[in-house]
């Protein structure tokens, strides 16, 4: 990335603070969820979630989805208990981020963006459980946020980004490759800057920066997990809304080698069975995503 572009993005990231305020409940709620679990007042969380209709509805839809093994969850309190505090935090961040982009500034279909982000989060959670990754909910959160830089790009360079996305569609090209050509930087780099500005954890920042190129020295297993989930979603009906000329060889992907390095037991795992297990959940995942983002 050219140095002047790096400085320009930094200025744009700081300018995001001037965007319309996110819901008033976000700051007190996220602050509370940073506390140790035994110090969190669950009833206060329920009260705060109940104040915002969109967030409450989102929580209820997720809690009633078959992926979380629940049915007939009718109250915000039961939804919070069913989902757990970590997933509530992820839902809050998603709702918060969705609101920082004014309708006229989206360079792409926002439903497509959130379908991919939530789909990737659900696939990452599923894959983390299947391979024995120790924190499936961290995988869920990191995946939900992995394309954060796309929001920066659409806010700061709306028209240029529209052209960039159209070029990717026309050429059936990966979006980060089109960004390099047309913008001089990718959503990985702009997303990292915003994530650092908002003081996200180091492993989540690693995912945002390296999810297309798994070279992170710190959060390598998590980056690899999100990278593979992102590829699987883009191969199916949870991509960026256009056909990409790509293929995935799980066993030959550097991300899989990274996971095996940190979890040696995976070397003996039946990759075909793993892929089938994830594929078997994909239709259900698509149904959940569509239910969350239906009109």
Foldseek 3Di string as FASTA:
>chain_A
DDPVLLVVLLVLLVCLVVFPAFDPLLVVLLVLLVDPPVRRDLVVNLVSQVVDPLLLVLLVLVLCAVLLPDHDPDGSSVSCVSQDSLVSNLSSVLSRLLPSAPPVLALADVLLVQLLQQLLLSLLLVLCVVLVPPDSSVLSSLSNLQQVLSSSCSNSPVVLLNVLVVVCQVVLADSQVSCCVRPVGGSLSSSLSNCVVVPPDPLSSCLNNDLCPQPDPPNRLSSLSSNVSSVVLLVDVRHNPHHHPDDDDLVPDVSNVSNCVVVVVCVPPDVVVSVVVSVVCSVSSSVSSCVSPPD
